[in-house]
Amino acid sequence: MPSKQKYKKLTIEMIRNTESEFLLKRIYTFVKNIIKYSEIEKSSVKRIAKKEVKDECIKNF
C-alpha cells in the first residue's frame, strides 16, 4: 500500500496542475479520504485532476 507521504506528494503535484476551484476542492477532499482510508489506488487519484492551482491550497493541505 502506498504511503501517506506519496499521496500527499501526488496531491500537491495535482494541485499545482489544476485551474478550477471546484476541481481543487474535489481533489483535496478525495485525497484526504484516501489518506484516511488508504484504499484507493494512485491512478484513481490522478483521474480526478486535469488542469492549475494556487500555493495557498498547498499550504492548507
PDB file of N, CA and C in Angstrom:
ATOM      1  N   MET A   1       0.831  -1.193   0.000  1.00  0.00           N
ATOM      2  CA  MET A   1       0.000   0.000   0.000  1.00  0.00           C
ATOM      3  C   MET A   1       0.880   1.264   0.000  1.00  0.00           C
ATOM      4  N   PRO A   2       0.613   2.204  -0.899  1.00  0.00           N
ATOM      5  CA  PRO A   2       1.426   3.419  -0.921  1.00  0.00           C
ATOM      6  C   PRO A   2       1.310   4.202   0.388  1.00  0.00           C
ATOM      7  N   SER A   3       2.368   4.871   0.722  1.00  0.00           N
ATOM      8  CA  SER A   3       2.390   5.617   1.974  1.00  0.00           C
ATOM      9  C   SER A   3       1.619   6.926   1.875  1.00  0.00           C
ATOM     10  N   LYS A   4       1.291   7.482   3.020  1.00  0.00           N
ATOM     11  CA  LYS A   4       0.591   8.761   3.061  1.00  0.00           C
ATOM     12  C   LYS A   4       1.435   9.863   2.437  1.00  0.00           C
ATOM     13  N   GLN A   5       2.747   9.776   2.619  1.00  0.00           N
ATOM     14  CA  GLN A   5       3.652  10.777   2.035  1.00  0.00           C
ATOM     15  C   GLN A   5       3.544  10.792   0.507  1.00  0.00           C
ATOM     16  N   LYS A   6       3.463   9.605  -0.093  1.00  0.00           N
ATOM     17  CA  LYS A   6       3.349   9.520  -1.551  1.00  0.00           C
ATOM     18  C   LYS A   6       2.060  10.176  -2.016  1.00  0.00           C
ATOM     19  N   TYR A   7       0.970   9.929  -1.309  1.00  0.00           N
ATOM     20  CA  TYR A   7      -0.303  10.540  -1.676  1.00  0.00           C
ATOM     21  C   TYR A   7      -0.249  12.048  -1.516  1.00  0.00           C
ATOM     22  N   LYS A   8       0.380  12.507  -0.451  1.00  0.00           N
ATOM     23  CA  LYS A   8       0.475  13.944  -0.232  1.00  0.00           C
ATOM     24  C   LYS A   8       1.288  14.600  -1.348  1.00  0.00           C
ATOM     25  N   LYS A   9       2.395  13.975  -1.717  1.00  0.00           N
ATOM     26  CA  LYS A   9       3.241  14.490  -2.797  1.00  0.00           C
ATOM     27  C   LYS A   9       2.464  14.525  -4.109  1.00  0.00           C
ATOM     28  N   LEU A  10       1.737  13.458  -4.392  1.00  0.00           N
ATOM     29  CA  LEU A  10       0.928  13.369  -5.597  1.00  0.00           C
ATOM     30  C   LEU A  10      -0.147  14.454  -5.605  1.00  0.00           C
ATOM     31  N   THR A  11      -0.773  14.667  -4.469  1.00  0.00           N
ATOM     32  CA  THR A  11      -1.815  15.680  -4.356  1.00  0.00           C
ATOM     33  C   THR A  11      -1.271  17.064  -4.641  1.00  0.00           C
ATOM     34  N   ILE A  12      -0.110  17.370  -4.063  1.00  0.00           N
ATOM     35  CA  ILE A  12       0.496  18.673  -4.289  1.00  0.00           C
ATOM     36  C   ILE A  12       0.803  18.874  -5.772  1.00  0.00           C
ATOM     37  N   GLU A  13       1.266  17.834  -6.443  1.00  0.00           N
ATOM     38  CA  GLU A  13       1.501  17.908  -7.886  1.00  0.00           C
ATOM     39  C   GLU A  13       0.205  18.208  -8.622  1.00  0.00           C
ATOM     40  N   MET A  14      -0.860  17.530  -8.247  1.00  0.00           N
ATOM     41  CA  MET A  14      -2.150  17.747  -8.900  1.00  0.00           C
ATOM     42  C   MET A  14      -2.661  19.154  -8.641  1.00  0.00           C
ATOM     43  N   ILE A  15      -2.503  19.622  -7.424  1.00  0.00           N
ATOM     44  CA  ILE A  15      -2.953  20.968  -7.068  1.00  0.00           C
ATOM     45  C   ILE A  15      -2.237  21.999  -7.934  1.00  0.00           C
ATOM     46  N   ARG A  16      -0.963  21.797  -8.146  1.00  0.00           N
ATOM     47  CA  ARG A  16      -0.196  22.730  -8.985  1.00  0.00           C
ATOM     48  C   ARG A  16      -0.639  22.691 -10.433  1.00  0.00           C
ATOM     49  N   ASN A  17      -1.280  21.612 -10.854  1.00  0.00           N
ATOM     50  CA  ASN A  17      -1.696  21.458 -12.252  1.00  0.00           C
ATOM     51  C   ASN A  17      -3.203  21.619 -12.451  1.00  0.00           C
ATOM     52  N   THR A  18      -3.863  22.274 -11.523  1.00  0.00           N
ATOM     53  CA  THR A  18      -5.320  22.433 -11.614  1.00  0.00           C
ATOM     54  C   THR A  18      -5.706  23.902 -11.606  1.00  0.00           C
ATOM     55  N   GLU A  19      -6.664  24.296 -12.458  1.00  0.00           N
ATOM     56  CA  GLU A  19      -7.100  25.690 -12.523  1.00  0.00           C
ATOM     57  C   GLU A  19      -8.448  25.911 -11.846  1.00  0.00           C
ATOM     58  N   SER A  20      -9.270  24.907 -11.879  1.00  0.00           N
ATOM     59  CA  SER A  20     -10.627  25.027 -11.364  1.00  0.00           C
ATOM     60  C   SER A  20     -10.689  24.940  -9.836  1.00  0.00           C
ATOM     61  N   GLU A  21     -11.335  25.917  -9.213  1.00  0.00           N
ATOM     62  CA  GLU A  21     -11.506  25.910  -7.760  1.00  0.00           C
ATOM     63  C   GLU A  21     -12.352  24.716  -7.329  1.00  0.00           C
ATOM     64  N   PHE A  22     -13.402  24.438  -8.096  1.00  0.00           N
ATOM     65  CA  PHE A  22     -14.278  23.311  -7.790  1.00  0.00           C
ATOM     66  C   PHE A  22     -13.490  22.006  -7.819  1.00  0.00           C
ATOM     67  N   LEU A  23     -12.700  21.831  -8.875  1.00  0.00           N
ATOM     68  CA  LEU A  23     -11.899  20.622  -9.010  1.00  0.00           C
ATOM     69  C   LEU A  23     -10.887  20.522  -7.886  1.00  0.00           C
ATOM     70  N   LEU A  24     -10.329  21.644  -7.521  1.00  0.00           N
ATOM     71  CA  LEU A  24      -9.353  21.676  -6.434  1.00  0.00           C
ATOM     72  C   LEU A  24      -9.963  21.140  -5.146  1.00  0.00           C
ATOM     73  N   LYS A  25     -11.170  21.591  -4.830  1.00  0.00           N
ATOM     74  CA  LYS A  25     -11.844  21.119  -3.619  1.00  0.00           C
ATOM     75  C   LYS A  25     -12.122  19.623  -3.689  1.00  0.00           C
ATOM     76  N   ARG A  26     -12.488  19.148  -4.875  1.00  0.00           N
ATOM     77  CA  ARG A  26     -12.721  17.714  -5.063  1.00  0.00           C
ATOM     78  C   ARG A  26     -11.451  16.921  -4.801  1.00  0.00           C
ATOM     79  N   ILE A  27     -10.337  17.401  -5.373  1.00  0.00           N
ATOM     80  CA  ILE A  27      -9.052  16.724  -5.187  1.00  0.00           C
ATOM     81  C   ILE A  27      -8.706  16.687  -3.711  1.00  0.00           C
ATOM     82  N   TYR A  28      -8.820  17.832  -3.071  1.00  0.00           N
ATOM     83  CA  TYR A  28      -8.453  17.958  -1.664  1.00  0.00           C
ATOM     84  C   TYR A  28      -9.242  16.977  -0.797  1.00  0.00           C
ATOM     85  N   THR A  29     -10.550  16.970  -0.968  1.00  0.00           N
ATOM     86  CA  THR A  29     -11.420  16.087  -0.195  1.00  0.00           C
ATOM     87  C   THR A  29     -11.141  14.619  -0.513  1.00  0.00           C
ATOM     88  N   PHE A  30     -11.028  14.334  -1.789  1.00  0.00           N
ATOM     89  CA  PHE A  30     -10.792  12.965  -2.235  1.00  0.00           C
ATOM     90  C   PHE A  30      -9.501  12.400  -1.641  1.00  0.00           C
ATOM     91  N   VAL A  31      -8.446  13.181  -1.721  1.00  0.00           N
ATOM     92  CA  VAL A  31      -7.156  12.698  -1.232  1.00  0.00           C
ATOM     93  C   VAL A  31      -7.135  12.616   0.285  1.00  0.00           C
ATOM     94  N   LYS A  32      -7.812  13.541   0.953  1.00  0.00           N
ATOM     95  CA  LYS A  32      -7.895  13.444   2.413  1.00  0.00           C
ATOM     96  C   LYS A  32      -8.540  12.114   2.797  1.00  0.00           C
ATOM     97  N   ASN A  33      -9.564  11.727   2.057  1.00  0.00           N
ATOM     98  CA  ASN A  33     -10.216  10.440   2.316  1.00  0.00           C
ATOM     99  C   ASN A  33      -9.299   9.266   2.009  1.00  0.00           C
ATOM    100  N   ILE A  34      -8.531   9.388   0.945  1.00  0.00           N
ATOM    101  CA  ILE A  34      -7.586   8.324   0.613  1.00  0.00           C
ATOM    102  C   ILE A  34      -6.585   8.161   1.740  1.00  0.00           C
ATOM    103  N   ILE A  35      -6.055   9.287   2.196  1.00  0.00           N
ATOM    104  CA  ILE A  35      -5.070   9.236   3.268  1.00  0.00           C
ATOM    105  C   ILE A  35      -5.706   8.615   4.511  1.00  0.00           C
ATOM    106  N   LYS A  36      -6.956   8.958   4.722  1.00  0.00           N
ATOM    107  CA  LYS A  36      -7.673   8.444   5.884  1.00  0.00           C
ATOM    108  C   LYS A  36      -7.900   6.931   5.779  1.00  0.00           C
ATOM    109  N   TYR A  37      -8.352   6.480   4.632  1.00  0.00           N
ATOM    110  CA  TYR A  37      -8.702   5.067   4.479  1.00  0.00           C
ATOM    111  C   TYR A  37      -7.674   4.233   3.721  1.00  0.00           C
ATOM    112  N   SER A  38      -6.819   4.890   2.945  1.00  0.00           N
ATOM    113  CA  SER A  38      -5.749   4.232   2.173  1.00  0.00           C
ATOM    114  C   SER A  38      -6.227   3.007   1.387  1.00  0.00           C
ATOM    115  N   GLU A  39      -7.356   3.138   0.699  1.00  0.00           N
ATOM    116  CA  GLU A  39      -7.888   2.006  -0.057  1.00  0.00           C
ATOM    117  C   GLU A  39      -7.859   2.223  -1.560  1.00  0.00           C
ATOM    118  N   ILE A  40      -7.640   3.457  -1.978  1.00  0.00           N
ATOM    119  CA  ILE A  40      -7.781   3.769  -3.399  1.00  0.00           C
ATOM    120  C   ILE A  40      -6.418   3.898  -4.061  1.00  0.00           C
ATOM    121  N   GLU A  41      -6.296   3.399  -5.249  1.00  0.00           N
ATOM    122  CA  GLU A  41      -5.032   3.410  -5.973  1.00  0.00           C
ATOM    123  C   GLU A  41      -4.669   4.791  -6.484  1.00  0.00           C
ATOM    124  N   LYS A  42      -3.370   4.979  -6.720  1.00  0.00           N
ATOM    125  CA  LYS A  42      -2.854   6.241  -7.227  1.00  0.00           C
ATOM    126  C   LYS A  42      -3.505   6.653  -8.538  1.00  0.00           C
ATOM    127  N   SER A  43      -3.765   5.703  -9.419  1.00  0.00           N
ATOM    128  CA  SER A  43      -4.357   6.009 -10.715  1.00  0.00           C
ATOM    129  C   SER A  43      -5.738   6.646 -10.558  1.00  0.00           C
ATOM    130  N   SER A  44      -6.466   6.238  -9.537  1.00  0.00           N
ATOM    131  CA  SER A  44      -7.767   6.825  -9.262  1.00  0.00           C
ATOM    132  C   SER A  44      -7.618   8.285  -8.876  1.00  0.00           C
ATOM    133  N   VAL A  45      -6.576   8.587  -8.115  1.00  0.00           N
ATOM    134  CA  VAL A  45      -6.331   9.965  -7.698  1.00  0.00           C
ATOM    135  C   VAL A  45      -6.000  10.814  -8.913  1.00  0.00           C
ATOM    136  N   LYS A  46      -5.139  10.298  -9.767  1.00  0.00           N
ATOM    137  CA  LYS A  46      -4.723  11.032 -10.964  1.00  0.00           C
ATOM    138  C   LYS A  46      -5.908  11.353 -11.857  1.00  0.00           C
ATOM    139  N   ARG A  47      -6.851  10.432 -11.944  1.00  0.00           N
ATOM    140  CA  ARG A  47      -8.028  10.617 -12.793  1.00  0.00           C
ATOM    141  C   ARG A  47      -8.857  11.823 -12.376  1.00  0.00           C
ATOM    142  N   ILE A  48      -8.857  12.146 -11.104  1.00  0.00           N
ATOM    143  CA  ILE A  48      -9.657  13.261 -10.604  1.00  0.00           C
ATOM    144  C   ILE A  48      -9.168  14.597 -11.153  1.00  0.00           C
ATOM    145  N   ALA A  49      -7.857  14.758 -11.262  1.00  0.00           N
ATOM    146  CA  ALA A  49      -7.290  16.053 -11.645  1.00  0.00           C
ATOM    147  C   ALA A  49      -6.964  16.160 -13.117  1.00  0.00           C
ATOM    148  N   LYS A  50      -7.187  17.351 -13.712  1.00  0.00           N
ATOM    149  CA  LYS A  50      -6.753  17.542 -15.087  1.00  0.00           C
ATOM    150  C   LYS A  50      -6.080  18.886 -15.372  1.00  0.00           C
ATOM    151  N   LYS A  51      -6.368  20.015 -14.709  1.00  0.00           N
ATOM    152  CA  LYS A  51      -5.784  21.310 -15.127  1.00  0.00           C
ATOM    153  C   LYS A  51      -4.794  22.034 -14.214  1.00  0.00           C
ATOM    154  N   GLU A  52      -4.608  24.087 -13.055  1.00  0.00           N
ATOM    155  CA  GLU A  52      -3.512  24.609 -12.209  1.00  0.00           C
ATOM    156  C   GLU A  52      -4.085  25.357 -11.019  1.00  0.00           C
ATOM    157  N   VAL A  53      -3.426  25.273  -9.858  1.00  0.00           N
ATOM    158  CA  VAL A  53      -3.996  25.896  -8.673  1.00  0.00           C
ATOM    159  C   VAL A  53      -3.001  26.698  -7.846  1.00  0.00           C
ATOM    160  N   LYS A  54      -3.502  27.338  -6.825  1.00  0.00           N
ATOM    161  CA  LYS A  54      -2.710  28.276  -6.043  1.00  0.00           C
ATOM    162  C   LYS A  54      -1.932  27.643  -4.904  1.00  0.00           C
ATOM    163  N   ASP A  55      -0.802  28.270  -4.571  1.00  0.00           N
ATOM    164  CA  ASP A  55       0.052  27.806  -3.484  1.00  0.00           C
ATOM    165  C   ASP A  55      -0.675  27.828  -2.143  1.00  0.00           C
ATOM    166  N   GLU A  56      -1.651  28.695  -2.043  1.00  0.00           N
ATOM    167  CA  GLU A  56      -2.458  28.836  -0.836  1.00  0.00           C
ATOM    168  C   GLU A  56      -3.079  27.493  -0.433  1.00  0.00           C
ATOM    169  N   CYS A  57      -3.551  26.753  -1.434  1.00  0.00           N
ATOM    170  CA  CYS A  57      -4.183  25.461  -1.193  1.00  0.00           C
ATOM    171  C   CYS A  57      -3.165  24.433  -0.744  1.00  0.00           C
ATOM    172  N   ILE A  58      -1.963  24.525  -1.279  1.00  0.00           N
ATOM    173  CA  ILE A  58      -0.897  23.603  -0.881  1.00  0.00           C
ATOM    174  C   ILE A  58      -0.544  23.853   0.582  1.00  0.00           C
ATOM    175  N   LYS A  59      -0.509  25.109   0.964  1.00  0.00           N
ATOM    176  CA  LYS A  59      -0.205  25.458   2.356  1.00  0.00           C
ATOM    177  C   LYS A  59      -1.250  24.879   3.299  1.00  0.00           C
ATOM    178  N   ASN A  60      -2.492  24.893   2.867  1.00  0.00           N
ATOM    179  CA  ASN A  60      -3.589  24.407   3.707  1.00  0.00           C
ATOM    180  C   ASN A  60      -3.677  22.897   3.772  1.00  0.00           C
ATOM    181  N   PHE A  61      -2.929  22.214   2.926  1.00  0.00           N
ATOM    182  CA  PHE A  61      -3.016  20.765   2.868  1.00  0.00           C
ATOM    183  C   PHE A  61      -2.374  20.118   4.079  1.00  0.00           C
TER     184      PHE A  61
END
